[in-house]
């Protein structure tokens, strides 16, 4: 049996680049096993939210949008960054309204996930909002363009399995919802 794993000790952090939505940091940490120092890269960013909005007709409100990283359209649930001083549940309701035009009045936490602990230091707060109602127009910024797509809750599994939904953080939120709501 191997020895228990222990945390490393950080001894230095240097910001290499500030990219507005995140900072690239070089972290120096001491190995608890060898005592040697090693350098690692960490992406320092604010927490994120995802919200799974469901209408009274049991349809999920998705947004389709172009993503520069994948150079493709992506089918996602509303989400985004937690603003400074804003509670994640407030951010989730705000992002839902801004990206879809649907008001999420009653949100329930689906839990907190770590987007990628190898390089990110933030958390993803996941929520479900049932009985969302259309309240207004989508409020995109100059660099955003979203289109609302309604998908029956009963079809979520097939969308996940056939790749129509391939955004890992969206998939994790949906799988968590499906698991917690098994009937």
N, C-alpha and C. Protein backbone atom coordinates (compact mmCIF):
# COMPACT_ATOMS: atom_id res chain seq x y z
N UNK A 1 0.85 -1.18 0.00
CA UNK A 1 0.00 0.00 0.00
C UNK A 1 0.89 1.24 0.00
N UNK A 2 0.51 2.24 -0.77
CA UNK A 2 1.32 3.45 -0.86
C UNK A 2 1.05 4.38 0.32
N UNK A 3 2.00 5.29 0.53
CA UNK A 3 1.86 6.27 1.61
C UNK A 3 0.74 7.25 1.27
N UNK A 4 0.10 7.82 2.27
CA UNK A 4 -0.96 8.80 1.99
C UNK A 4 -0.41 10.02 1.26
N UNK A 5 -1.21 10.56 0.38
CA UNK A 5 -0.83 11.75 -0.37
C UNK A 5 -1.02 12.97 0.52
N UNK A 6 -0.04 13.85 0.50
CA UNK A 6 -0.12 15.09 1.29
C UNK A 6 -0.08 16.29 0.37
N UNK A 7 -0.64 17.42 0.81
CA UNK A 7 -0.59 18.63 -0.01
C UNK A 7 0.83 19.15 -0.17
N UNK A 8 1.05 19.83 -1.26
CA UNK A 8 2.31 20.52 -1.50
C UNK A 8 2.26 21.86 -0.78
N UNK A 9 3.44 22.43 -0.52
CA UNK A 9 3.52 23.74 0.13
C UNK A 9 3.90 24.79 -0.90
N UNK A 10 2.99 25.76 -1.11
CA UNK A 10 3.29 26.85 -2.03
C UNK A 10 4.25 27.82 -1.38
N UNK A 11 5.28 28.18 -2.11
CA UNK A 11 6.26 29.12 -1.57
C UNK A 11 6.34 30.41 -2.37
N UNK A 12 5.79 30.40 -3.58
CA UNK A 12 5.81 31.62 -4.40
C UNK A 12 4.72 31.56 -5.46
N UNK A 13 4.20 32.73 -5.77
CA UNK A 13 3.23 32.87 -6.86
C UNK A 13 3.59 34.13 -7.63
N UNK A 14 3.73 33.99 -8.96
CA UNK A 14 4.08 35.12 -9.81
C UNK A 14 3.05 35.21 -10.93
N UNK A 15 2.45 36.40 -11.12
CA UNK A 15 1.51 36.62 -12.22
C UNK A 15 2.32 36.83 -13.49
N UNK A 16 2.12 35.95 -14.47
CA UNK A 16 2.82 36.05 -15.74
C UNK A 16 2.07 36.90 -16.75
N UNK A 17 0.73 36.85 -16.67
CA UNK A 17 -0.08 37.59 -17.63
C UNK A 17 -1.48 37.80 -17.06
N UNK A 18 -2.01 39.02 -17.21
CA UNK A 18 -3.37 39.33 -16.80
C UNK A 18 -4.19 39.45 -18.07
N UNK A 19 -5.11 38.50 -18.28
CA UNK A 19 -5.88 38.42 -19.51
C UNK A 19 -7.33 38.90 -19.34
N UNK A 20 -7.58 39.77 -18.43
CA UNK A 20 -8.89 40.34 -18.12
C UNK A 20 -9.82 39.33 -17.45
N UNK A 21 -10.10 38.19 -18.08
CA UNK A 21 -10.99 37.22 -17.47
C UNK A 21 -10.25 36.20 -16.61
N UNK A 22 -8.93 36.20 -16.69
CA UNK A 22 -8.12 35.31 -15.85
C UNK A 22 -6.67 35.79 -15.84
N UNK A 23 -5.96 35.36 -14.82
CA UNK A 23 -4.53 35.62 -14.73
C UNK A 23 -3.79 34.30 -14.85
N UNK A 24 -2.71 34.31 -15.61
CA UNK A 24 -1.84 33.15 -15.71
C UNK A 24 -0.77 33.32 -14.64
N UNK A 25 -0.71 32.36 -13.72
CA UNK A 25 0.25 32.43 -12.62
C UNK A 25 1.25 31.28 -12.72
N UNK A 26 2.48 31.58 -12.29
CA UNK A 26 3.46 30.52 -12.10
C UNK A 26 3.58 30.33 -10.60
N UNK A 27 3.28 29.12 -10.17
CA UNK A 27 3.31 28.79 -8.75
C UNK A 27 4.50 27.88 -8.49
N UNK A 28 5.27 28.20 -7.47
CA UNK A 28 6.36 27.33 -7.04
C UNK A 28 5.90 26.64 -5.76
N UNK A 29 6.02 25.31 -5.76
CA UNK A 29 5.57 24.54 -4.60
C UNK A 29 6.59 23.46 -4.27
N UNK A 30 6.63 23.13 -2.98
CA UNK A 30 7.57 22.13 -2.46
C UNK A 30 6.87 20.77 -2.37
N UNK A 31 7.49 19.76 -2.94
CA UNK A 31 6.95 18.41 -2.89
C UNK A 31 7.05 17.87 -1.46
N UNK A 32 5.96 17.34 -0.91
CA UNK A 32 6.03 16.76 0.44
C UNK A 32 6.80 15.44 0.46
N UNK A 33 6.98 14.85 -0.71
CA UNK A 33 7.68 13.58 -0.81
C UNK A 33 9.19 13.76 -0.88
N UNK A 34 9.63 14.74 -1.72
CA UNK A 34 11.07 14.89 -1.95
C UNK A 34 11.67 16.14 -1.32
N UNK A 35 10.82 17.12 -1.02
CA UNK A 35 11.31 18.40 -0.51
C UNK A 35 11.83 19.32 -1.60
N UNK A 36 11.72 18.90 -2.85
CA UNK A 36 12.19 19.72 -3.97
C UNK A 36 11.11 20.70 -4.42
N UNK A 37 11.55 21.85 -4.94
CA UNK A 37 10.65 22.87 -5.48
C UNK A 37 10.40 22.59 -6.95
N UNK A 38 9.14 22.81 -7.36
CA UNK A 38 8.76 22.63 -8.76
C UNK A 38 7.85 23.78 -9.15
N UNK A 39 7.88 24.15 -10.45
CA UNK A 39 7.02 25.20 -10.96
C UNK A 39 5.79 24.63 -11.66
N UNK A 40 4.65 25.29 -11.46
CA UNK A 40 3.39 24.89 -12.07
C UNK A 40 2.68 26.13 -12.58
N UNK A 41 1.77 25.94 -13.53
CA UNK A 41 0.97 27.05 -14.03
C UNK A 41 -0.45 26.91 -13.53
N UNK A 42 -1.01 28.02 -13.06
CA UNK A 42 -2.38 28.05 -12.54
C UNK A 42 -3.12 29.18 -13.24
N UNK A 43 -4.34 28.89 -13.66
CA UNK A 43 -5.21 29.91 -14.24
C UNK A 43 -6.11 30.42 -13.12
N UNK A 44 -5.88 31.66 -12.72
CA UNK A 44 -6.60 32.29 -11.61
C UNK A 44 -7.79 33.06 -12.17
N UNK A 45 -8.99 32.64 -11.81
CA UNK A 45 -10.19 33.30 -12.31
C UNK A 45 -11.29 33.24 -11.27
N UNK A 46 -12.31 34.03 -11.49
CA UNK A 46 -13.44 34.08 -10.56
C UNK A 46 -14.27 32.80 -10.70
N UNK A 47 -15.15 32.58 -9.75
CA UNK A 47 -16.05 31.44 -9.82
C UNK A 47 -17.03 31.62 -10.97
N UNK A 48 -17.57 30.49 -11.44
CA UNK A 48 -18.54 30.47 -12.53
C UNK A 48 -19.85 29.89 -12.03
N UNK A 49 -20.92 30.13 -12.80
CA UNK A 49 -22.22 29.53 -12.52
C UNK A 49 -22.78 28.91 -13.80
N UNK A 50 -23.57 27.87 -13.62
CA UNK A 50 -24.41 27.28 -14.66
C UNK A 50 -25.79 27.14 -14.07
N UNK A 51 -26.81 27.45 -14.87
CA UNK A 51 -28.18 27.26 -14.40
C UNK A 51 -28.97 26.48 -15.44
N UNK A 52 -29.67 25.47 -14.97
CA UNK A 52 -30.51 24.63 -15.81
C UNK A 52 -31.94 25.13 -15.68
N UNK A 53 -32.40 26.00 -16.61
CA UNK A 53 -33.74 26.56 -16.53
C UNK A 53 -34.76 25.61 -17.17
N UNK A 54 -35.82 25.31 -16.44
CA UNK A 54 -36.85 24.39 -16.93
C UNK A 54 -38.20 25.11 -16.87
N UNK A 55 -38.91 25.09 -18.00
CA UNK A 55 -40.22 25.73 -18.07
C UNK A 55 -41.28 24.84 -17.41
N UNK A 56 -42.48 25.38 -17.22
CA UNK A 56 -43.58 24.59 -16.66
C UNK A 56 -44.01 23.48 -17.61
N UNK A 57 -43.63 23.58 -18.90
CA UNK A 57 -43.91 22.53 -19.88
C UNK A 57 -42.81 21.47 -19.92
N UNK A 58 -41.90 21.51 -18.93
CA UNK A 58 -40.79 20.56 -18.83
C UNK A 58 -39.86 20.62 -20.04
N UNK A 59 -39.56 21.86 -20.45
CA UNK A 59 -38.58 22.09 -21.50
C UNK A 59 -37.40 22.84 -20.89
N UNK A 60 -36.20 22.44 -21.26
CA UNK A 60 -34.99 23.11 -20.81
C UNK A 60 -34.69 24.26 -21.76
N UNK A 61 -34.37 25.41 -21.19
CA UNK A 61 -34.00 26.58 -21.97
C UNK A 61 -32.49 26.53 -22.20
N UNK A 62 -32.11 26.22 -23.43
CA UNK A 62 -30.71 26.21 -23.82
C UNK A 62 -30.40 27.47 -24.62
N UNK A 63 -29.14 27.81 -24.70
CA UNK A 63 -28.69 28.87 -25.60
C UNK A 63 -27.66 28.26 -26.54
N UNK A 64 -27.83 28.57 -27.80
CA UNK A 64 -26.86 28.17 -28.80
C UNK A 64 -26.00 29.39 -29.08
N UNK A 65 -24.69 29.19 -29.09
CA UNK A 65 -23.79 30.31 -29.35
C UNK A 65 -22.48 29.82 -29.94
N UNK A 66 -21.84 30.71 -30.67
CA UNK A 66 -20.54 30.41 -31.26
C UNK A 66 -19.47 30.53 -30.18
N UNK A 67 -18.54 29.56 -30.15
CA UNK A 67 -17.44 29.57 -29.20
C UNK A 67 -16.12 29.61 -29.96
N UNK A 68 -15.28 30.59 -29.61
CA UNK A 68 -14.02 30.77 -30.33
C UNK A 68 -13.03 29.64 -30.08
N UNK A 69 -13.03 29.07 -28.88
CA UNK A 69 -12.09 27.99 -28.57
C UNK A 69 -12.30 26.79 -29.46
N UNK A 70 -13.54 26.38 -29.65
CA UNK A 70 -13.84 25.21 -30.48
C UNK A 70 -14.12 25.59 -31.93
N UNK A 71 -14.27 26.91 -32.20
CA UNK A 71 -14.59 27.40 -33.54
C UNK A 71 -15.86 26.73 -34.06
N UNK A 72 -16.87 26.66 -33.17
CA UNK A 72 -18.11 25.98 -33.54
C UNK A 72 -19.26 26.51 -32.69
N UNK A 73 -20.48 26.22 -33.13
CA UNK A 73 -21.65 26.52 -32.31
C UNK A 73 -21.71 25.52 -31.16
N UNK A 74 -22.19 25.97 -30.03
CA UNK A 74 -22.26 25.13 -28.84
C UNK A 74 -23.64 25.27 -28.21
N UNK A 75 -24.26 24.15 -27.87
CA UNK A 75 -25.55 24.16 -27.19
C UNK A 75 -25.29 24.07 -25.69
N UNK A 76 -25.66 25.14 -24.98
CA UNK A 76 -25.32 25.26 -23.57
C UNK A 76 -26.51 25.74 -22.76
N UNK A 77 -26.40 25.60 -21.45
CA UNK A 77 -27.35 26.24 -20.55
C UNK A 77 -26.76 27.60 -20.17
N UNK A 78 -27.60 28.53 -19.73
CA UNK A 78 -27.05 29.84 -19.35
C UNK A 78 -26.01 29.70 -18.24
N UNK A 79 -25.00 30.55 -18.31
CA UNK A 79 -23.95 30.52 -17.31
C UNK A 79 -22.98 31.65 -17.54
N UNK A 80 -22.07 31.81 -16.60
CA UNK A 80 -21.08 32.85 -16.72
C UNK A 80 -20.31 33.05 -15.44
N UNK A 81 -19.73 34.24 -15.34
CA UNK A 81 -18.88 34.55 -14.20
C UNK A 81 -19.68 35.15 -13.06
N UNK A 82 -19.23 34.85 -11.85
CA UNK A 82 -19.79 35.47 -10.64
C UNK A 82 -19.14 36.84 -10.51
N UNK A 83 -19.95 37.88 -10.51
CA UNK A 83 -19.43 39.24 -10.37
C UNK A 83 -18.91 39.48 -8.95
N UNK A 84 -17.93 40.36 -8.78
CA UNK A 84 -17.40 40.65 -7.44
C UNK A 84 -18.52 41.06 -6.47
N UNK A 85 -18.55 40.44 -5.30
CA UNK A 85 -19.53 40.75 -4.28
C UNK A 85 -20.90 40.14 -4.51
N UNK A 86 -21.06 39.37 -5.59
CA UNK A 86 -22.35 38.78 -5.93
C UNK A 86 -22.38 37.32 -5.47
N UNK A 87 -23.48 36.91 -4.86
CA UNK A 87 -23.64 35.52 -4.47
C UNK A 87 -23.86 34.67 -5.73
N UNK A 88 -23.34 33.45 -5.78
CA UNK A 88 -23.51 32.62 -6.97
C UNK A 88 -24.97 32.43 -7.40
N UNK A 89 -25.88 32.31 -6.47
CA UNK A 89 -27.29 32.11 -6.83
C UNK A 89 -27.85 33.35 -7.53
N UNK A 90 -27.38 34.52 -7.12
CA UNK A 90 -27.78 35.78 -7.78
C UNK A 90 -27.18 35.84 -9.18
N UNK A 91 -25.93 35.44 -9.31
CA UNK A 91 -25.27 35.41 -10.62
C UNK A 91 -26.01 34.47 -11.58
N UNK A 92 -26.42 33.31 -11.07
CA UNK A 92 -27.12 32.34 -11.91
C UNK A 92 -28.43 32.91 -12.44
N UNK A 93 -29.20 33.57 -11.58
CA UNK A 93 -30.46 34.17 -12.02
C UNK A 93 -30.20 35.28 -13.03
N UNK A 94 -29.18 36.09 -12.79
CA UNK A 94 -28.83 37.19 -13.69
C UNK A 94 -28.41 36.66 -15.05
N UNK A 95 -27.53 35.66 -15.07
CA UNK A 95 -27.05 35.09 -16.33
C UNK A 95 -28.20 34.47 -17.12
N UNK A 96 -29.12 33.81 -16.43
CA UNK A 96 -30.26 33.20 -17.11
C UNK A 96 -31.08 34.26 -17.83
N UNK A 97 -31.39 35.34 -17.13
CA UNK A 97 -32.19 36.42 -17.72
C UNK A 97 -31.45 37.08 -18.88
N UNK A 98 -30.17 37.38 -18.67
CA UNK A 98 -29.39 38.06 -19.71
C UNK A 98 -29.26 37.21 -20.98
N UNK A 99 -28.94 35.93 -20.81
CA UNK A 99 -28.63 35.09 -21.97
C UNK A 99 -29.85 34.51 -22.67
N UNK A 100 -30.97 34.39 -21.94
CA UNK A 100 -32.13 33.72 -22.53
C UNK A 100 -33.41 34.55 -22.53
N UNK A 101 -33.48 35.57 -21.66
CA UNK A 101 -34.72 36.32 -21.51
C UNK A 101 -35.70 35.66 -20.55
N UNK A 102 -35.31 34.51 -19.95
CA UNK A 102 -36.17 33.81 -19.00
C UNK A 102 -35.78 34.17 -17.56
N UNK A 103 -36.79 34.45 -16.74
CA UNK A 103 -36.57 34.76 -15.33
C UNK A 103 -36.58 33.47 -14.53
N UNK A 104 -35.52 33.31 -13.74
CA UNK A 104 -35.38 32.15 -12.84
C UNK A 104 -35.61 32.65 -11.42
N UNK A 105 -36.80 32.43 -10.90
CA UNK A 105 -37.14 32.95 -9.58
C UNK A 105 -36.82 31.98 -8.45
N UNK A 106 -36.91 30.70 -8.72
CA UNK A 106 -36.69 29.69 -7.67
C UNK A 106 -35.56 28.77 -8.10
N UNK A 107 -34.37 29.04 -7.57
CA UNK A 107 -33.19 28.25 -7.91
C UNK A 107 -32.84 27.31 -6.78
N UNK A 108 -32.39 26.11 -7.15
CA UNK A 108 -31.94 25.12 -6.19
C UNK A 108 -30.54 24.68 -6.59
N UNK A 109 -29.65 24.61 -5.63
CA UNK A 109 -28.27 24.21 -5.91
C UNK A 109 -28.20 22.75 -6.31
N UNK A 110 -27.41 22.48 -7.34
CA UNK A 110 -27.07 21.11 -7.72
C UNK A 110 -25.67 20.76 -7.23
N UNK A 111 -25.05 21.70 -6.53
CA UNK A 111 -23.73 21.46 -5.98
C UNK A 111 -22.65 22.29 -6.65
N UNK A 112 -21.44 22.12 -6.17
CA UNK A 112 -20.29 22.87 -6.64
C UNK A 112 -19.29 21.89 -7.24
N UNK A 113 -18.77 22.25 -8.41
CA UNK A 113 -17.80 21.42 -9.11
C UNK A 113 -16.49 22.19 -9.29
N UNK A 114 -15.40 21.46 -9.44
CA UNK A 114 -14.11 22.05 -9.74
C UNK A 114 -13.88 21.88 -11.24
N UNK A 115 -13.90 22.97 -12.03
CA UNK A 115 -13.83 22.85 -13.49
C UNK A 115 -12.65 22.04 -14.02
N UNK A 116 -11.47 22.24 -13.49
CA UNK A 116 -10.29 21.47 -13.88
C UNK A 116 -9.21 21.74 -12.84
N UNK A 117 -9.13 20.91 -11.79
CA UNK A 117 -8.21 21.18 -10.70
C UNK A 117 -6.74 21.14 -11.07
N UNK A 118 -6.41 20.65 -12.25
CA UNK A 118 -5.02 20.64 -12.68
C UNK A 118 -4.50 22.04 -12.95
N UNK A 119 -5.39 22.91 -13.46
CA UNK A 119 -4.91 24.24 -13.84
C UNK A 119 -5.78 25.40 -13.36
N UNK A 120 -7.06 25.17 -13.08
CA UNK A 120 -7.95 26.26 -12.63
C UNK A 120 -8.07 26.26 -11.11
N UNK A 121 -8.21 27.45 -10.54
CA UNK A 121 -8.35 27.54 -9.07
C UNK A 121 -9.76 27.95 -8.65
N UNK A 122 -10.71 27.95 -9.58
CA UNK A 122 -12.05 28.42 -9.26
C UNK A 122 -13.03 27.27 -9.12
N UNK A 123 -14.30 27.64 -8.84
CA UNK A 123 -15.37 26.65 -8.69
C UNK A 123 -16.51 26.98 -9.65
N UNK A 124 -17.27 25.96 -10.01
CA UNK A 124 -18.48 26.11 -10.79
C UNK A 124 -19.66 25.79 -9.89
N UNK A 125 -20.52 26.77 -9.68
CA UNK A 125 -21.73 26.60 -8.87
C UNK A 125 -22.87 26.26 -9.82
N UNK A 126 -23.53 25.12 -9.59
CA UNK A 126 -24.57 24.65 -10.50
C UNK A 126 -25.94 24.75 -9.84
N UNK A 127 -26.92 25.14 -10.64
CA UNK A 127 -28.29 25.33 -10.13
C UNK A 127 -29.30 24.79 -11.14
N UNK A 128 -30.48 24.47 -10.63
CA UNK A 128 -31.64 24.20 -11.45
C UNK A 128 -32.68 25.25 -11.08
N UNK A 129 -33.40 25.75 -12.08
CA UNK A 129 -34.48 26.72 -11.87
C UNK A 129 -35.72 26.17 -12.56
N UNK A 130 -36.71 25.82 -11.76
CA UNK A 130 -37.92 25.26 -12.34
C UNK A 130 -38.97 26.35 -12.52
N UNK A 131 -39.85 26.12 -13.49
CA UNK A 131 -40.95 27.04 -13.81
C UNK A 131 -40.45 28.43 -14.20
N UNK A 132 -39.38 28.46 -15.01
CA UNK A 132 -38.90 29.76 -15.50
C UNK A 132 -39.92 30.33 -16.48
N UNK A 133 -39.97 31.64 -16.56
CA UNK A 133 -40.92 32.30 -17.45
C UNK A 133 -40.20 33.33 -18.31
N UNK A 134 -40.65 33.46 -19.54
CA UNK A 134 -40.06 34.45 -20.43
C UNK A 134 -40.45 35.83 -19.92
N UNK A 135 -39.45 36.69 -19.82
CA UNK A 135 -39.72 38.02 -19.30
C UNK A 135 -39.31 39.13 -20.26
N UNK A 136 -38.33 38.87 -21.09
CA UNK A 136 -37.86 39.93 -21.96
C UNK A 136 -36.95 39.40 -23.04
N UNK A 137 -36.26 40.33 -23.65
CA UNK A 137 -35.33 40.00 -24.73
C UNK A 137 -33.99 39.55 -24.17
N UNK A 138 -33.26 38.81 -24.99
CA UNK A 138 -31.89 38.42 -24.67
C UNK A 138 -31.06 39.70 -24.59
N UNK A 139 -30.15 39.78 -23.63
CA UNK A 139 -29.35 40.98 -23.40
C UNK A 139 -27.88 40.71 -23.69
N UNK A 140 -27.58 40.41 -24.93
CA UNK A 140 -26.20 40.12 -25.31
C UNK A 140 -25.36 41.38 -25.36
N UNK A 141 -24.06 41.21 -25.09
CA UNK A 141 -23.10 42.29 -25.27
C UNK A 141 -22.69 42.32 -26.74
N UNK A 142 -21.81 43.24 -27.10
CA UNK A 142 -21.36 43.37 -28.48
C UNK A 142 -20.60 42.13 -28.96
N UNK A 143 -20.05 41.33 -28.04
CA UNK A 143 -19.27 40.16 -28.44
C UNK A 143 -20.05 38.86 -28.26
N UNK A 144 -21.34 38.95 -27.97
CA UNK A 144 -22.15 37.75 -27.75
C UNK A 144 -23.31 37.72 -28.74
N UNK A 145 -23.70 36.52 -29.13
CA UNK A 145 -24.91 36.33 -29.89
C UNK A 145 -25.45 34.96 -29.49
N UNK A 146 -26.62 34.95 -28.87
CA UNK A 146 -27.21 33.69 -28.43
C UNK A 146 -28.60 33.53 -29.02
N UNK A 147 -28.98 32.28 -29.17
CA UNK A 147 -30.32 31.94 -29.64
C UNK A 147 -30.88 30.91 -28.67
N UNK A 148 -32.13 31.11 -28.23
CA UNK A 148 -32.77 30.18 -27.31
C UNK A 148 -33.24 28.94 -28.08
N UNK A 149 -32.96 27.78 -27.49
CA UNK A 149 -33.40 26.50 -28.03
C UNK A 149 -34.07 25.75 -26.88
N UNK A 150 -35.33 25.36 -27.06
CA UNK A 150 -36.05 24.61 -26.02
C UNK A 150 -35.96 23.12 -26.32
N UNK A 151 -35.57 22.35 -25.29
CA UNK A 151 -35.40 20.91 -25.43
C UNK A 151 -36.18 20.23 -24.31
N UNK A 152 -37.05 19.27 -24.63
CA UNK A 152 -37.78 18.56 -23.58
C UNK A 152 -36.81 17.87 -22.60
N UNK A 153 -37.12 17.95 -21.31
CA UNK A 153 -36.30 17.30 -20.28
C UNK A 153 -36.11 15.82 -20.62
N UNK A 154 -37.13 15.20 -21.15
CA UNK A 154 -37.07 13.77 -21.48
C UNK A 154 -36.02 13.46 -22.54
N UNK A 155 -35.55 14.45 -23.28
CA UNK A 155 -34.56 14.22 -24.34
C UNK A 155 -33.12 14.55 -23.92
N UNK A 156 -32.92 14.98 -22.67
CA UNK A 156 -31.58 15.38 -22.23
C UNK A 156 -30.55 14.26 -22.39
N UNK A 157 -30.91 13.06 -21.97
CA UNK A 157 -29.95 11.96 -22.04
C UNK A 157 -29.50 11.72 -23.47
N UNK A 158 -30.43 11.72 -24.42
CA UNK A 158 -30.02 11.48 -25.81
C UNK A 158 -29.14 12.61 -26.34
N UNK A 159 -29.42 13.85 -25.96
CA UNK A 159 -28.57 14.98 -26.38
C UNK A 159 -27.15 14.83 -25.83
N UNK A 160 -27.05 14.32 -24.61
CA UNK A 160 -25.73 14.12 -24.00
C UNK A 160 -24.98 12.96 -24.66
N UNK A 161 -25.69 11.88 -24.88
CA UNK A 161 -25.04 10.68 -25.41
C UNK A 161 -24.66 10.80 -26.88
N UNK A 162 -25.45 11.54 -27.67
CA UNK A 162 -25.12 11.63 -29.10
C UNK A 162 -24.23 12.82 -29.44
N UNK A 163 -23.82 13.60 -28.43
CA UNK A 163 -22.85 14.67 -28.66
C UNK A 163 -23.44 16.02 -29.04
N UNK A 164 -24.76 16.13 -29.09
CA UNK A 164 -25.33 17.45 -29.38
C UNK A 164 -25.00 18.43 -28.27
N UNK A 165 -24.79 17.91 -27.07
CA UNK A 165 -24.26 18.70 -25.95
C UNK A 165 -22.91 18.11 -25.63
N UNK A 166 -21.84 18.92 -25.89
CA UNK A 166 -20.49 18.40 -25.65
C UNK A 166 -19.64 19.31 -24.77
N UNK A 167 -20.23 20.36 -24.25
CA UNK A 167 -19.52 21.26 -23.32
C UNK A 167 -19.43 20.51 -21.98
N UNK A 168 -18.23 20.22 -21.53
CA UNK A 168 -18.03 19.36 -20.36
C UNK A 168 -18.70 19.90 -19.10
N UNK A 169 -18.65 21.20 -18.85
CA UNK A 169 -19.25 21.75 -17.63
C UNK A 169 -20.76 21.73 -17.70
N UNK A 170 -21.31 21.93 -18.90
CA UNK A 170 -22.76 21.82 -19.09
C UNK A 170 -23.18 20.37 -18.90
N UNK A 171 -22.42 19.44 -19.50
CA UNK A 171 -22.74 18.02 -19.37
C UNK A 171 -22.69 17.58 -17.91
N UNK A 172 -21.70 18.04 -17.16
CA UNK A 172 -21.60 17.67 -15.75
C UNK A 172 -22.82 18.16 -14.97
N UNK A 173 -23.26 19.38 -15.26
CA UNK A 173 -24.45 19.92 -14.59
C UNK A 173 -25.68 19.10 -14.95
N UNK A 174 -25.84 18.77 -16.24
CA UNK A 174 -27.01 18.00 -16.67
C UNK A 174 -27.01 16.59 -16.10
N UNK A 175 -25.85 15.92 -16.12
CA UNK A 175 -25.78 14.57 -15.55
C UNK A 175 -26.11 14.59 -14.06
N UNK A 176 -25.63 15.60 -13.37
CA UNK A 176 -25.93 15.71 -11.93
C UNK A 176 -27.43 15.87 -11.73
N UNK A 177 -28.06 16.74 -12.53
CA UNK A 177 -29.50 16.93 -12.44
C UNK A 177 -30.23 15.61 -12.71
N UNK A 178 -29.86 14.93 -13.80
CA UNK A 178 -30.53 13.68 -14.15
C UNK A 178 -30.36 12.63 -13.06
N UNK A 179 -29.19 12.55 -12.47
CA UNK A 179 -28.95 11.58 -11.40
C UNK A 179 -29.79 11.92 -10.16
N UNK A 180 -29.81 13.17 -9.79
CA UNK A 180 -30.56 13.57 -8.59
C UNK A 180 -32.07 13.50 -8.77
N UNK A 181 -32.53 13.47 -10.02
CA UNK A 181 -33.97 13.44 -10.29
C UNK A 181 -34.42 12.15 -10.95
N UNK A 182 -33.71 11.07 -10.68
CA UNK A 182 -34.13 9.76 -11.21
C UNK A 182 -35.47 9.40 -10.61
N UNK A 183 -36.30 8.84 -11.43
CA UNK A 183 -37.64 8.45 -10.94
C UNK A 183 -37.86 6.99 -11.18
